[in-house]
Amino acid sequence: MARDANVIRSFDDLLQVLERDGVPHQTERSEKSVRIPTQQGDLDSLLLLRWQDSDGVIQFIQALPLVLTDDKLGLLCEAVTRLNHVMAVPGFDLNHTHRLLSFRLYLPLYPRGEVSLIEVQAMFRLAIKTAADIMPVLAQVLSGQVPVSDIVAATQRHLAAIASASAPPPKPASPLPKAPGESMY
């Protein structure tokens, strides 16, 4: 039976898809992970894609390139806790040891034992988009421009501005029918 190129059942399948699609990446076979350069808006970083058979998941870990000094870790911890609590898909993660902020998503391998290429692409895009969209507000918290207590409201305003800027222009109003019974279409 021929293998479906849009079904991913193993780390090797994932690598084949990345190669086939020309996705630049660095492979760490011993860790079953790849590092993929990412760039969107102000976000210029790496996404770590980790295949974890033993846990039954694929992790998508998008690093946010913010400078985290020791004195700001508590502030950032509170900020991401507040954000994660209100997000539909929470995933901000703070590594205190390495002073690294990331947005992390998981794609379950079980119970199917496989995932579709579309699922992998969607999780990849969602991790990057979420990190890129919210990173400017987190940077404002770190710089003192936004109080941590206002992180949720500031993020909502920022996301609304992004949505408004990318919304298509309104259509011109349709003319009214000229005569009774005449269709306006």
Protein backbone atom coordinates (compact mmCIF):
# COMPACT_ATOMS: atom_id res chain seq x y z
CA MET A 1 0.00 0.00 0.00
CA ALA A 2 1.34 3.45 -0.94
CA ARG A 3 2.19 5.86 1.84
CA ASP A 4 0.00 9.00 2.04
CA ALA A 5 2.37 12.00 1.86
CA ASN A 6 -0.13 14.08 3.86
CA VAL A 7 -0.11 11.75 6.87
CA ILE A 8 2.75 11.97 9.36
CA ARG A 9 3.34 8.91 11.55
CA SER A 10 6.94 9.36 12.65
CA PHE A 11 9.77 11.82 13.10
CA ASP A 12 11.26 10.54 9.84
CA ASP A 13 7.96 11.27 8.04
CA LEU A 14 8.10 14.79 9.44
CA LEU A 15 11.67 15.26 8.19
CA GLN A 16 10.67 14.00 4.73
CA VAL A 17 7.85 16.57 4.58
CA LEU A 18 10.17 19.41 5.65
CA GLU A 19 12.71 18.38 3.00
CA ARG A 20 10.04 17.93 0.32
CA ASP A 21 8.54 21.36 1.05
CA GLY A 22 11.93 23.10 1.22
CA VAL A 23 11.50 24.24 4.84
CA PRO A 24 14.87 25.43 6.20
CA HIS A 25 15.62 23.59 9.43
CA GLN A 26 18.33 22.14 11.62
CA THR A 27 17.75 18.58 12.80
CA GLU A 28 18.70 17.13 16.19
CA ARG A 29 18.02 13.43 15.61
CA SER A 30 18.97 12.36 19.13
CA GLU A 31 16.27 14.68 20.51
CA LYS A 32 13.82 14.09 17.66
CA SER A 33 13.60 17.82 17.15
CA VAL A 34 14.09 20.44 14.48
CA ARG A 35 14.78 24.14 14.73
CA ILE A 36 13.06 26.25 12.11
CA PRO A 37 13.85 29.95 11.61
CA THR A 38 10.73 32.10 11.85
CA GLN A 39 9.97 35.69 11.02
CA GLN A 40 6.71 37.58 11.25
CA GLY A 41 6.41 41.27 12.09
CA ASP A 42 8.93 42.06 14.85
CA LEU A 43 9.36 38.36 15.60
CA ASP A 44 12.66 37.03 14.23
CA SER A 45 13.45 33.84 16.07
CA LEU A 46 13.28 30.04 16.04
CA LEU A 47 10.53 27.52 16.42
CA LEU A 48 11.51 24.21 18.01
CA LEU A 49 9.40 21.34 16.75
CA ARG A 50 9.85 18.33 19.05
CA TRP A 51 8.48 14.84 18.31
CA GLN A 52 7.80 13.08 21.62
CA ASP A 53 6.69 9.46 21.11
CA SER A 54 6.78 8.67 24.83
CA ASP A 55 4.41 11.53 25.62
CA GLY A 56 2.31 11.07 22.49
CA VAL A 57 2.66 14.67 21.31
CA ILE A 58 4.43 16.97 18.92
CA GLN A 59 5.45 20.23 20.58
CA PHE A 60 5.65 23.54 18.73
CA ILE A 61 7.77 25.93 20.82
CA GLN A 62 8.12 29.43 19.38
CA ALA A 63 10.80 31.45 21.16
CA LEU A 64 10.17 35.17 21.67
CA PRO A 65 13.37 37.21 21.31
CA LEU A 66 12.92 39.43 24.36
CA VAL A 67 15.77 40.27 26.73
CA LEU A 68 14.77 38.96 30.14
CA THR A 69 16.86 40.28 33.00
CA ASP A 70 16.66 38.64 36.43
CA ASP A 71 14.80 41.63 37.85
CA LYS A 72 12.06 41.33 35.18
CA LEU A 73 11.34 37.59 35.47
CA GLY A 74 8.69 38.02 38.18
CA LEU A 75 6.99 40.76 36.16
CA LEU A 76 6.93 38.62 33.04
CA CYS A 77 5.74 35.59 34.98
CA GLU A 78 2.74 37.57 36.19
CA ALA A 79 2.09 38.94 32.69
CA VAL A 80 2.00 35.51 31.02
CA THR A 81 -0.07 34.05 33.84
CA ARG A 82 -2.65 36.79 33.32
CA LEU A 83 -2.61 36.24 29.53
CA ASN A 84 -2.78 32.45 29.66
CA HIS A 85 -5.81 32.66 31.94
CA VAL A 86 -7.89 34.56 29.36
CA MET A 87 -6.59 33.08 26.09
CA ALA A 88 -8.65 30.55 24.13
CA VAL A 89 -5.40 28.68 23.44
CA PRO A 90 -3.06 29.42 26.38
CA GLY A 91 0.56 28.56 25.83
CA PHE A 92 2.99 31.19 27.06
CA ASP A 93 5.86 29.54 28.87
CA LEU A 94 8.71 31.07 30.86
CA ASN A 95 11.94 29.15 31.37
CA HIS A 96 13.53 30.78 34.42
CA THR A 97 16.84 28.93 34.09
CA HIS A 98 17.51 30.09 30.53
CA ARG A 99 15.50 33.31 30.82
CA LEU A 100 13.55 32.34 27.73
CA LEU A 101 9.96 33.21 26.91
CA SER A 102 8.13 31.04 24.39
CA PHE A 103 4.70 30.20 23.11
CA ARG A 104 4.15 26.43 23.24
CA LEU A 105 1.47 24.31 21.63
CA TYR A 106 0.94 20.55 21.62
CA LEU A 107 -0.50 18.35 18.90
CA PRO A 108 -1.57 14.90 20.18
CA LEU A 109 -0.36 11.85 18.26
CA TYR A 110 -2.71 9.53 20.11
CA PRO A 111 -5.17 7.90 19.82
CA ARG A 112 -4.66 7.86 16.03
CA GLY A 113 -0.88 7.41 16.10
CA GLU A 114 -0.59 9.94 13.28
CA VAL A 115 -1.34 13.53 12.37
CA SER A 116 -2.19 15.20 9.09
CA LEU A 117 0.10 17.63 7.34
CA ILE A 118 -2.66 20.24 7.61
CA GLU A 119 -2.70 19.87 11.42
CA VAL A 120 1.08 20.33 11.62
CA GLN A 121 0.93 23.39 9.37
CA ALA A 122 -1.93 24.91 11.38
CA MET A 123 -0.16 24.46 14.72
CA PHE A 124 3.08 25.83 13.25
CA ARG A 125 1.30 28.95 11.97
CA LEU A 126 -0.73 29.43 15.17
CA ALA A 127 2.40 29.29 17.36
CA ILE A 128 4.20 31.88 15.23
CA LYS A 129 1.18 34.16 14.80
CA THR A 130 0.29 34.18 18.49
CA ALA A 131 3.88 34.90 19.54
CA ALA A 132 4.29 37.63 16.90
CA ASP A 133 0.95 39.29 17.68
CA ILE A 134 1.42 39.46 21.45
CA MET A 135 5.19 40.01 21.67
CA PRO A 136 4.95 43.83 21.26
CA VAL A 137 2.68 44.11 24.31
CA LEU A 138 4.97 41.89 26.37
CA ALA A 139 7.89 44.12 25.33
CA GLN A 140 5.90 47.14 26.53
CA VAL A 141 5.36 45.47 29.90
CA LEU A 142 9.10 44.77 30.18
CA SER A 143 9.96 48.37 29.30
CA GLY A 144 7.45 49.78 31.80
CA GLN A 145 5.18 51.32 29.14
CA VAL A 146 2.28 49.02 30.12
CA PRO A 147 1.62 48.08 33.75
CA VAL A 148 1.39 44.32 34.21
CA SER A 149 -2.08 44.80 35.67
CA ASP A 150 -3.17 46.16 32.26
CA ILE A 151 -1.64 43.37 30.13
CA VAL A 152 -4.98 41.80 29.19
CA ALA A 153 -6.65 45.07 28.18
CA ALA A 154 -3.53 46.26 26.33
CA THR A 155 -3.34 42.94 24.47
CA GLN A 156 -7.03 43.13 23.53
CA ARG A 157 -6.54 46.67 22.17
CA HIS A 158 -3.44 45.59 20.25
CA LEU A 159 -5.15 42.55 18.71
CA ALA A 160 -8.19 44.67 17.77
CA ALA A 161 -5.88 47.14 16.01
CA ILE A 162 -4.24 44.29 14.09
CA ALA A 163 -7.64 42.93 13.08
CA SER A 164 -8.86 46.36 12.04
CA ALA A 165 -5.75 47.01 9.95
CA SER A 166 -6.14 43.71 8.12
CA ALA A 167 -9.90 43.91 7.60
CA PRO A 168 -11.02 44.30 3.98
CA PRO A 169 -12.44 47.70 3.09
CA PRO A 170 -16.23 47.92 3.34
CA LYS A 171 -18.21 47.33 0.17
CA PRO A 172 -20.05 50.28 -1.28
CA ALA A 173 -23.75 50.27 -0.50
CA SER A 174 -25.93 48.62 -3.11
CA PRO A 175 -28.28 50.99 -4.89
CA LEU A 176 -31.94 50.68 -3.99
CA PRO A 177 -34.31 49.19 -6.59
CA LYS A 178 -35.60 51.82 -9.00
CA ALA A 179 -39.10 50.49 -9.33
CA PRO A 180 -41.38 48.27 -7.25
CA GLY A 181 -40.51 44.62 -7.86
CA GLU A 182 -37.19 45.46 -9.51
CA SER A 183 -34.35 43.44 -8.05
CA MET A 184 -31.49 45.31 -6.49
CA TYR A 185 -29.18 42.50 -7.56
